[in-house]
Amino acid sequence: MFIEVVGSCGSKDAICRLTCMRLGEKVLIDAGSAAFIPVEQLDTLDVVLLTHAHLDHILDLGFILDSMVSRRTRPLVVMGSEACLSIVRTHYMNGLLWPDFSKINVGGTPILEYKVLADEVWTTLPGEVECMPVPVNHPAGARGFLLRYNGKLVVYTGDTGPTDKLWKTAREQGEPAEVVIEVSFPDSKRSIAMASDHLCPSLAADELNKLGCKDIPVHVFHMKPWFAEEITGELNIPGKPVNLLRSGNRIEFS
């Protein structure tokens, strides 16, 4: 099993892509830059797993569905918290900004289906990877995910400010093999990070200490592009090797 980065940024410019990760061949985590995925990989997708409903995480959902209507005979299942999916249905796939793809049938089957994920319950996804959503400190129905495959545990924070339940739940499930954590702002903008329910390097270090584990590889994503150099210079977390995720990077945990 793997996580492959399609986009890893907390905003976009001419170079940086919005957050979107492939979880194996059949699942996406978020869809901010999903339209960059080659068509042959899009055709293998069965599930889009949404951390939350902010635009930078759902932007390309409409575009990939638009491309699938003429090629697929099975639905794309979009999963997330009840609050997240309600926002998507009401404010995005609503027949105004985008067609309501859940009402567009191909061969008698809707091209889009929604599935609410229960908090703190393991759900098996395509590819036999398991996912447990955990509420985190961020709006729009935000959840972090614990991912499990062949006994290996990965913590994926999604967007969050300082939070406790995610780390507590992770500790209860065993020692993680990898941590994927958002860091949106540099320490000089710590107050903005706190106000917007995001992390900066010093806050991320505090969060990682809540795991109580050392030497776990840490993968950082969601940097605001205009702060990238400053954040990179501050990403020194004692006892934990840190990798800054970029498009094309792959985390193996099989």
C-alpha atoms as a PDB file:
ATOM      1  CA  MET A   1       0.000   0.000   0.000  1.00  0.00           C
ATOM      2  CA  PHE A   2       1.155   3.532  -0.678  1.00  0.00           C
ATOM      3  CA  ILE A   3       0.261   7.189  -0.445  1.00  0.00           C
ATOM      4  CA  GLU A   4       1.301   9.013  -3.618  1.00  0.00           C
ATOM      5  CA  VAL A   5       1.243  12.788  -3.738  1.00  0.00           C
ATOM      6  CA  VAL A   6      -0.702  14.411  -6.557  1.00  0.00           C
ATOM      7  CA  GLY A   7      -0.692  17.793  -4.834  1.00  0.00           C
ATOM      8  CA  SER A   8       0.519  18.802  -1.383  1.00  0.00           C
ATOM      9  CA  CYS A   9       0.071  22.561  -1.049  1.00  0.00           C
ATOM     10  CA  GLY A  10      -2.231  24.655   1.097  1.00  0.00           C
ATOM     11  CA  SER A  11      -2.933  27.026  -1.783  1.00  0.00           C
ATOM     12  CA  LYS A  12      -2.089  27.210  -5.474  1.00  0.00           C
ATOM     13  CA  ASP A  13       0.040  29.162  -7.889  1.00  0.00           C
ATOM     14  CA  ALA A  14       1.715  28.419 -11.209  1.00  0.00           C
ATOM     15  CA  ILE A  15       3.734  25.597  -9.639  1.00  0.00           C
ATOM     16  CA  CYS A  16       1.982  24.405  -6.487  1.00  0.00           C
ATOM     17  CA  ARG A  17      -0.927  21.963  -6.612  1.00  0.00           C
ATOM     18  CA  LEU A  18      -3.720  21.747  -4.064  1.00  0.00           C
ATOM     19  CA  THR A  19      -3.943  18.793  -1.698  1.00  0.00           C
ATOM     20  CA  CYS A  20      -4.736  15.420  -3.257  1.00  0.00           C
ATOM     21  CA  MET A  21      -3.195  12.021  -2.452  1.00  0.00           C
ATOM     22  CA  ARG A  22      -3.635   8.608  -4.065  1.00  0.00           C
ATOM     23  CA  LEU A  23      -4.126   5.886  -1.449  1.00  0.00           C
ATOM     24  CA  GLY A  24      -3.251   2.841  -3.480  1.00  0.00           C
ATOM     25  CA  GLU A  25      -4.799   2.418  -6.914  1.00  0.00           C
ATOM     26  CA  LYS A  26      -8.464   2.804  -5.991  1.00  0.00           C
ATOM     27  CA  VAL A  27      -8.759   5.600  -3.402  1.00  0.00           C
ATOM     28  CA  LEU A  28      -8.052   9.337  -3.302  1.00  0.00           C
ATOM     29  CA  ILE A  29      -7.606  11.370  -0.156  1.00  0.00           C
ATOM     30  CA  ASP A  30      -9.077  14.753  -1.097  1.00  0.00           C
ATOM     31  CA  ALA A  31      -9.431  16.069  -4.627  1.00  0.00           C
ATOM     32  CA  GLY A  32      -7.902  19.551  -4.725  1.00  0.00           C
ATOM     33  CA  SER A  33      -5.749  18.788  -7.770  1.00  0.00           C
ATOM     34  CA  ALA A  34      -7.312  15.491  -8.886  1.00  0.00           C
ATOM     35  CA  ALA A  35      -7.649  16.678 -12.496  1.00  0.00           C
ATOM     36  CA  PHE A  36      -3.860  16.263 -12.831  1.00  0.00           C
ATOM     37  CA  ILE A  37      -4.201  12.478 -12.419  1.00  0.00           C
ATOM     38  CA  PRO A  38      -3.702  10.593 -15.720  1.00  0.00           C
ATOM     39  CA  VAL A  39      -6.911   9.199 -17.161  1.00  0.00           C
ATOM     40  CA  GLU A  40      -5.807   5.570 -16.835  1.00  0.00           C
ATOM     41  CA  GLN A  41      -5.351   6.099 -13.079  1.00  0.00           C
ATOM     42  CA  LEU A  42      -8.665   7.950 -12.758  1.00  0.00           C
ATOM     43  CA  ASP A  43     -10.390   4.980 -14.357  1.00  0.00           C
ATOM     44  CA  THR A  44      -9.218   2.691 -11.529  1.00  0.00           C
ATOM     45  CA  LEU A  45     -10.646   4.952  -8.794  1.00  0.00           C
ATOM     46  CA  ASP A  46     -13.587   3.773  -6.713  1.00  0.00           C
ATOM     47  CA  VAL A  47     -13.515   6.132  -3.708  1.00  0.00           C
ATOM     48  CA  VAL A  48     -12.680   9.743  -2.868  1.00  0.00           C
ATOM     49  CA  LEU A  49     -12.089  10.123   0.859  1.00  0.00           C
ATOM     50  CA  LEU A  50     -12.621  13.742   1.922  1.00  0.00           C
ATOM     51  CA  THR A  51     -10.948  15.171   5.013  1.00  0.00           C
ATOM     52  CA  HIS A  52     -13.288  18.174   4.905  1.00  0.00           C
ATOM     53  CA  ALA A  53     -15.215  20.394   2.507  1.00  0.00           C
ATOM     54  CA  HIS A  54     -12.966  23.438   2.067  1.00  0.00           C
ATOM     55  CA  LEU A  55     -12.514  24.330  -1.594  1.00  0.00           C
ATOM     56  CA  ASP A  56      -8.789  23.558  -1.740  1.00  0.00           C
ATOM     57  CA  HIS A  57      -9.629  19.926  -0.885  1.00  0.00           C
ATOM     58  CA  ILE A  58     -12.654  19.414  -3.170  1.00  0.00           C
ATOM     59  CA  LEU A  59     -11.966  21.742  -6.106  1.00  0.00           C
ATOM     60  CA  ASP A  60     -11.341  19.120  -8.796  1.00  0.00           C
ATOM     61  CA  LEU A  61     -14.057  16.701  -7.698  1.00  0.00           C
ATOM     62  CA  GLY A  62     -16.433  18.186 -10.271  1.00  0.00           C
ATOM     63  CA  PHE A  63     -13.827  18.063 -13.024  1.00  0.00           C
ATOM     64  CA  ILE A  64     -12.980  14.380 -12.546  1.00  0.00           C
ATOM     65  CA  LEU A  65     -16.670  13.458 -12.372  1.00  0.00           C
ATOM     66  CA  ASP A  66     -17.250  15.421 -15.572  1.00  0.00           C
ATOM     67  CA  SER A  67     -14.531  13.368 -17.278  1.00  0.00           C
ATOM     68  CA  MET A  68     -15.943  10.083 -15.951  1.00  0.00           C
ATOM     69  CA  VAL A  69     -19.526  10.450 -17.169  1.00  0.00           C
ATOM     70  CA  SER A  70     -18.683   9.308 -20.690  1.00  0.00           C
ATOM     71  CA  ARG A  71     -16.376   6.450 -19.606  1.00  0.00           C
ATOM     72  CA  ARG A  72     -17.696   4.770 -16.448  1.00  0.00           C
ATOM     73  CA  THR A  73     -20.536   2.391 -15.706  1.00  0.00           C
ATOM     74  CA  ARG A  74     -19.928   2.289 -11.940  1.00  0.00           C
ATOM     75  CA  PRO A  75     -20.276   5.108  -9.409  1.00  0.00           C
ATOM     76  CA  LEU A  76     -17.503   7.066  -7.787  1.00  0.00           C
ATOM     77  CA  VAL A  77     -18.168   6.899  -4.050  1.00  0.00           C
ATOM     78  CA  VAL A  78     -17.369  10.078  -2.109  1.00  0.00           C
ATOM     79  CA  MET A  79     -16.868   9.433   1.613  1.00  0.00           C
ATOM     80  CA  GLY A  80     -16.506  11.780   4.556  1.00  0.00           C
ATOM     81  CA  SER A  81     -18.190  13.069   7.672  1.00  0.00           C
ATOM     82  CA  GLU A  82     -21.893  13.891   7.548  1.00  0.00           C
ATOM     83  CA  ALA A  83     -21.119  17.614   7.866  1.00  0.00           C
ATOM     84  CA  CYS A  84     -18.529  17.488   5.078  1.00  0.00           C
ATOM     85  CA  LEU A  85     -20.788  15.675   2.623  1.00  0.00           C
ATOM     86  CA  SER A  86     -23.716  17.949   3.444  1.00  0.00           C
ATOM     87  CA  ILE A  87     -21.603  20.970   2.510  1.00  0.00           C
ATOM     88  CA  VAL A  88     -20.504  19.364  -0.773  1.00  0.00           C
ATOM     89  CA  ARG A  89     -24.078  18.480  -1.729  1.00  0.00           C
ATOM     90  CA  THR A  90     -25.549  21.840  -0.736  1.00  0.00           C
ATOM     91  CA  HIS A  91     -22.899  24.256  -1.920  1.00  0.00           C
ATOM     92  CA  TYR A  92     -20.950  22.505  -4.700  1.00  0.00           C
ATOM     93  CA  MET A  93     -22.691  19.538  -6.376  1.00  0.00           C
ATOM     94  CA  ASN A  94     -25.992  21.384  -6.185  1.00  0.00           C
ATOM     95  CA  GLY A  95     -27.062  21.830  -9.801  1.00  0.00           C
ATOM     96  CA  LEU A  96     -25.859  25.445  -9.737  1.00  0.00           C
ATOM     97  CA  LEU A  97     -22.068  25.566  -9.347  1.00  0.00           C
ATOM     98  CA  TRP A  98     -21.792  22.018 -10.714  1.00  0.00           C
ATOM     99  CA  PRO A  99     -24.370  19.500 -11.863  1.00  0.00           C
ATOM    100  CA  ASP A 100     -25.724  17.221  -9.164  1.00  0.00           C
ATOM    101  CA  PHE A 101     -23.832  14.185 -10.425  1.00  0.00           C
ATOM    102  CA  SER A 102     -25.680  11.934  -7.974  1.00  0.00           C
ATOM    103  CA  LYS A 103     -28.736  12.411 -10.222  1.00  0.00           C
ATOM    104  CA  ILE A 104     -26.899  11.632 -13.459  1.00  0.00           C
ATOM    105  CA  ASN A 105     -27.279   7.959 -14.342  1.00  0.00           C
ATOM    106  CA  VAL A 106     -25.032   5.981 -16.644  1.00  0.00           C
ATOM    107  CA  GLY A 107     -26.498   2.614 -17.570  1.00  0.00           C
ATOM    108  CA  GLY A 108     -29.065   3.028 -14.823  1.00  0.00           C
ATOM    109  CA  THR A 109     -26.428   3.714 -12.130  1.00  0.00           C
ATOM    110  CA  PRO A 110     -25.652   7.142 -10.626  1.00  0.00           C
ATOM    111  CA  ILE A 111     -22.146   8.301 -11.475  1.00  0.00           C
ATOM    112  CA  LEU A 112     -21.762   9.678  -7.934  1.00  0.00           C
ATOM    113  CA  GLU A 113     -22.702   8.164  -4.582  1.00  0.00           C
ATOM    114  CA  TYR A 114     -22.147   9.586  -1.094  1.00  0.00           C
ATOM    115  CA  LYS A 115     -21.292   7.543   1.981  1.00  0.00           C
ATOM    116  CA  VAL A 116     -21.050   8.970   5.499  1.00  0.00           C
ATOM    117  CA  LEU A 117     -18.192   7.519   7.544  1.00  0.00           C
ATOM    118  CA  ALA A 118     -18.799   6.920  11.249  1.00  0.00           C
ATOM    119  CA  ASP A 119     -16.269   8.529  13.571  1.00  0.00           C
ATOM    120  CA  GLU A 120     -13.751   6.306  15.352  1.00  0.00           C
ATOM    121  CA  VAL A 121     -14.918   3.192  13.502  1.00  0.00           C
ATOM    122  CA  TRP A 122     -12.733   1.208  11.105  1.00  0.00           C
ATOM    123  CA  THR A 123     -14.048   1.033   7.532  1.00  0.00           C
ATOM    124  CA  THR A 124     -12.448  -1.185   4.892  1.00  0.00           C
ATOM    125  CA  LEU A 125     -11.761   0.673   1.651  1.00  0.00           C
ATOM    126  CA  PRO A 126     -10.978  -0.749  -1.792  1.00  0.00           C
ATOM    127  CA  GLY A 127      -7.513  -2.255  -1.772  1.00  0.00           C
ATOM    128  CA  GLU A 128      -8.056  -3.708   1.720  1.00  0.00           C
ATOM    129  CA  VAL A 129      -6.767  -0.603   3.465  1.00  0.00           C
ATOM    130  CA  GLU A 130      -8.739   0.384   6.571  1.00  0.00           C
ATOM    131  CA  CYS A 131      -9.667   3.928   7.542  1.00  0.00           C
ATOM    132  CA  MET A 132     -10.806   5.386  10.857  1.00  0.00           C
ATOM    133  CA  PRO A 133     -12.009   9.027  10.804  1.00  0.00           C
ATOM    134  CA  VAL A 134     -11.318  11.095  13.909  1.00  0.00           C
ATOM    135  CA  PRO A 135     -12.647  14.647  14.479  1.00  0.00           C
ATOM    136  CA  VAL A 136      -9.926  17.321  14.451  1.00  0.00           C
ATOM    137  CA  ASN A 137      -9.755  21.030  15.174  1.00  0.00           C
ATOM    138  CA  HIS A 138     -10.783  22.549  11.840  1.00  0.00           C
ATOM    139  CA  PRO A 139     -14.105  23.606  10.242  1.00  0.00           C
ATOM    140  CA  ALA A 140     -16.181  22.127   7.388  1.00  0.00           C
ATOM    141  CA  GLY A 141     -16.652  18.687   8.918  1.00  0.00           C
ATOM    142  CA  ALA A 142     -12.906  18.094   9.233  1.00  0.00           C
ATOM    143  CA  ARG A 143     -11.549  14.683  10.099  1.00  0.00           C
ATOM    144  CA  GLY A 144      -8.085  13.247  10.366  1.00  0.00           C
ATOM    145  CA  PHE A 145      -7.635   9.622   9.359  1.00  0.00           C
ATOM    146  CA  LEU A 146      -5.928   6.619  10.841  1.00  0.00           C
ATOM    147  CA  LEU A 147      -5.005   4.285   7.995  1.00  0.00           C
ATOM    148  CA  ARG A 148      -4.152   0.625   8.544  1.00  0.00           C
ATOM    149  CA  TYR A 149      -2.803  -1.983   6.160  1.00  0.00           C
ATOM    150  CA  ASN A 150      -1.209  -5.328   7.000  1.00  0.00           C
ATOM    151  CA  GLY A 151      -0.927  -4.227  10.616  1.00  0.00           C
ATOM    152  CA  LYS A 152       0.895  -0.972   9.814  1.00  0.00           C
ATOM    153  CA  LEU A 153      -0.667   2.248  11.074  1.00  0.00           C
ATOM    154  CA  VAL A 154      -0.414   5.690   9.435  1.00  0.00           C
ATOM    155  CA  VAL A 155      -1.695   8.940  10.956  1.00  0.00           C
ATOM    156  CA  TYR A 156      -2.995  11.460   8.395  1.00  0.00           C
ATOM    157  CA  THR A 157      -4.017  14.700  10.091  1.00  0.00           C
ATOM    158  CA  GLY A 158      -5.839  16.460   7.269  1.00  0.00           C
ATOM    159  CA  ASP A 159      -6.183  20.158   8.061  1.00  0.00           C
ATOM    160  CA  THR A 160      -6.120  20.855  11.783  1.00  0.00           C
ATOM    161  CA  GLY A 161      -5.006  23.184  14.501  1.00  0.00           C
ATOM    162  CA  PRO A 162      -3.845  21.825  17.852  1.00  0.00           C
ATOM    163  CA  THR A 163      -5.973  18.788  18.645  1.00  0.00           C
ATOM    164  CA  ASP A 164      -5.957  15.880  21.082  1.00  0.00           C
ATOM    165  CA  LYS A 165      -8.386  13.134  20.063  1.00  0.00           C
ATOM    166  CA  LEU A 166      -6.483  12.154  16.911  1.00  0.00           C
ATOM    167  CA  TRP A 167      -3.260  11.502  18.812  1.00  0.00           C
ATOM    168  CA  LYS A 168      -5.009   9.787  21.712  1.00  0.00           C
ATOM    169  CA  THR A 169      -6.864   7.474  19.338  1.00  0.00           C
ATOM    170  CA  ALA A 170      -3.666   6.742  17.420  1.00  0.00           C
ATOM    171  CA  ARG A 171      -1.877   5.756  20.640  1.00  0.00           C
ATOM    172  CA  GLU A 172      -4.719   3.385  21.462  1.00  0.00           C
ATOM    173  CA  GLN A 173      -4.366   1.674  18.067  1.00  0.00           C
ATOM    174  CA  GLY A 174      -0.627   1.014  18.321  1.00  0.00           C
ATOM    175  CA  GLU A 175       2.595   2.710  17.278  1.00  0.00           C
ATOM    176  CA  PRO A 176       2.302   4.450  13.897  1.00  0.00           C
ATOM    177  CA  ALA A 177       4.734   3.597  11.127  1.00  0.00           C
ATOM    178  CA  GLU A 178       4.341   7.030   9.470  1.00  0.00           C
ATOM    179  CA  VAL A 179       2.774  10.399  10.254  1.00  0.00           C
ATOM    180  CA  VAL A 180       1.483  12.792   7.592  1.00  0.00           C
ATOM    181  CA  ILE A 181       0.908  16.201   9.183  1.00  0.00           C
ATOM    182  CA  GLU A 182      -0.147  19.588   7.893  1.00  0.00           C
ATOM    183  CA  VAL A 183       2.066  22.655   8.437  1.00  0.00           C
ATOM    184  CA  SER A 184       0.482  25.662   6.756  1.00  0.00           C
ATOM    185  CA  PHE A 185       2.315  28.677   8.196  1.00  0.00           C
ATOM    186  CA  PRO A 186       5.777  29.579   9.530  1.00  0.00           C
ATOM    187  CA  ASP A 187       6.309  30.270  13.210  1.00  0.00           C
ATOM    188  CA  SER A 188       6.316  34.001  12.491  1.00  0.00           C
ATOM    189  CA  LYS A 189       2.623  33.593  11.594  1.00  0.00           C
ATOM    190  CA  ARG A 190       1.752  31.399  14.570  1.00  0.00           C
ATOM    191  CA  SER A 191      -1.157  33.651  15.542  1.00  0.00           C
ATOM    192  CA  ILE A 192      -2.651  33.304  12.046  1.00  0.00           C
ATOM    193  CA  ALA A 193      -2.199  29.537  12.192  1.00  0.00           C
ATOM    194  CA  MET A 194      -4.035  29.410  15.515  1.00  0.00           C
ATOM    195  CA  ALA A 195      -6.821  31.710  14.337  1.00  0.00           C
ATOM    196  CA  SER A 196      -7.412  29.645  11.181  1.00  0.00           C
ATOM    197  CA  ASP A 197      -7.079  26.218  12.860  1.00  0.00           C
ATOM    198  CA  HIS A 198      -3.821  25.274  11.186  1.00  0.00           C
ATOM    199  CA  LEU A 199      -0.302  24.420  12.350  1.00  0.00           C
ATOM    200  CA  CYS A 200       3.130  26.028  12.141  1.00  0.00           C
ATOM    201  CA  PRO A 201       6.397  24.100  12.786  1.00  0.00           C
ATOM    202  CA  SER A 202       6.479  24.711  16.547  1.00  0.00           C
ATOM    203  CA  LEU A 203       2.819  23.750  16.902  1.00  0.00           C
ATOM    204  CA  ALA A 204       3.394  20.638  14.774  1.00  0.00           C
ATOM    205  CA  ALA A 205       6.267  19.628  17.051  1.00  0.00           C
ATOM    206  CA  ASP A 206       3.966  19.981  20.055  1.00  0.00           C
ATOM    207  CA  GLU A 207       1.350  17.827  18.330  1.00  0.00           C
ATOM    208  CA  LEU A 208       3.834  15.096  17.457  1.00  0.00           C
ATOM    209  CA  ASN A 209       5.009  14.967  21.065  1.00  0.00           C
ATOM    210  CA  LYS A 210       1.475  13.907  22.004  1.00  0.00           C
ATOM    211  CA  LEU A 211       2.130  10.585  20.276  1.00  0.00           C
ATOM    212  CA  GLY A 212       4.897   9.778  22.738  1.00  0.00           C
ATOM    213  CA  CYS A 213       6.929   8.002  20.051  1.00  0.00           C
ATOM    214  CA  LYS A 214      10.362   8.824  18.673  1.00  0.00           C
ATOM    215  CA  ASP A 215      11.988   8.129  15.317  1.00  0.00           C
ATOM    216  CA  ILE A 216       8.712   7.942  13.404  1.00  0.00           C
ATOM    217  CA  PRO A 217       9.060   9.351   9.869  1.00  0.00           C
ATOM    218  CA  VAL A 218       7.080  12.583   9.560  1.00  0.00           C
ATOM    219  CA  HIS A 219       5.776  13.808   6.205  1.00  0.00           C
ATOM    220  CA  VAL A 220       4.707  17.459   5.996  1.00  0.00           C
ATOM    221  CA  PHE A 221       2.118  18.850   3.587  1.00  0.00           C
ATOM    222  CA  HIS A 222      -0.251  21.827   3.106  1.00  0.00           C
ATOM    223  CA  MET A 223       2.344  24.618   3.165  1.00  0.00           C
ATOM    224  CA  LYS A 224       1.204  27.978   1.885  1.00  0.00           C
ATOM    225  CA  PRO A 225       3.472  28.447  -1.171  1.00  0.00           C
ATOM    226  CA  TRP A 226       4.535  31.983  -0.306  1.00  0.00           C
ATOM    227  CA  PHE A 227       5.877  30.764   3.071  1.00  0.00           C
ATOM    228  CA  ALA A 228       7.531  27.593   1.759  1.00  0.00           C
ATOM    229  CA  GLU A 229      11.137  28.685   2.214  1.00  0.00           C
ATOM    230  CA  GLU A 230      10.543  30.005   5.728  1.00  0.00           C
ATOM    231  CA  ILE A 231       8.636  26.889   6.810  1.00  0.00           C
ATOM    232  CA  THR A 232      11.265  24.577   5.333  1.00  0.00           C
ATOM    233  CA  GLY A 233      13.975  26.290   7.348  1.00  0.00           C
ATOM    234  CA  GLU A 234      12.011  25.710  10.554  1.00  0.00           C
ATOM    235  CA  LEU A 235      11.131  22.037  10.055  1.00  0.00           C
ATOM    236  CA  ASN A 236      13.590  20.588  12.521  1.00  0.00           C
ATOM    237  CA  ILE A 237      11.668  18.299  14.848  1.00  0.00           C
ATOM    238  CA  PRO A 238      14.045  16.567  17.314  1.00  0.00           C
ATOM    239  CA  GLY A 239      13.956  12.778  17.187  1.00  0.00           C
ATOM    240  CA  LYS A 240      11.801  12.595  14.075  1.00  0.00           C
ATOM    241  CA  PRO A 241      13.070  12.522  10.466  1.00  0.00           C
ATOM    242  CA  VAL A 242      11.038  15.049   8.458  1.00  0.00           C
ATOM    243  CA  ASN A 243      10.168  14.855   4.769  1.00  0.00           C
ATOM    244  CA  LEU A 244       8.492  17.712   2.915  1.00  0.00           C
ATOM    245  CA  LEU A 245       5.955  16.183   0.533  1.00  0.00           C
ATOM    246  CA  ARG A 246       5.950  17.222  -3.099  1.00  0.00           C
ATOM    247  CA  SER A 247       4.023  16.062  -6.157  1.00  0.00           C
ATOM    248  CA  GLY A 248       5.197  12.602  -7.201  1.00  0.00           C
ATOM    249  CA  ASN A 249       6.487  11.564  -3.762  1.00  0.00           C
ATOM    250  CA  ARG A 250       5.341   8.181  -2.497  1.00  0.00           C
ATOM    251  CA  ILE A 251       5.066   6.842   1.051  1.00  0.00           C
ATOM    252  CA  GLU A 252       5.150   3.020   1.163  1.00  0.00           C
ATOM    253  CA  PHE A 253       3.614   1.292   4.165  1.00  0.00           C
ATOM    254  CA  SER A 254       2.880  -2.231   2.981  1.00  0.00           C
END
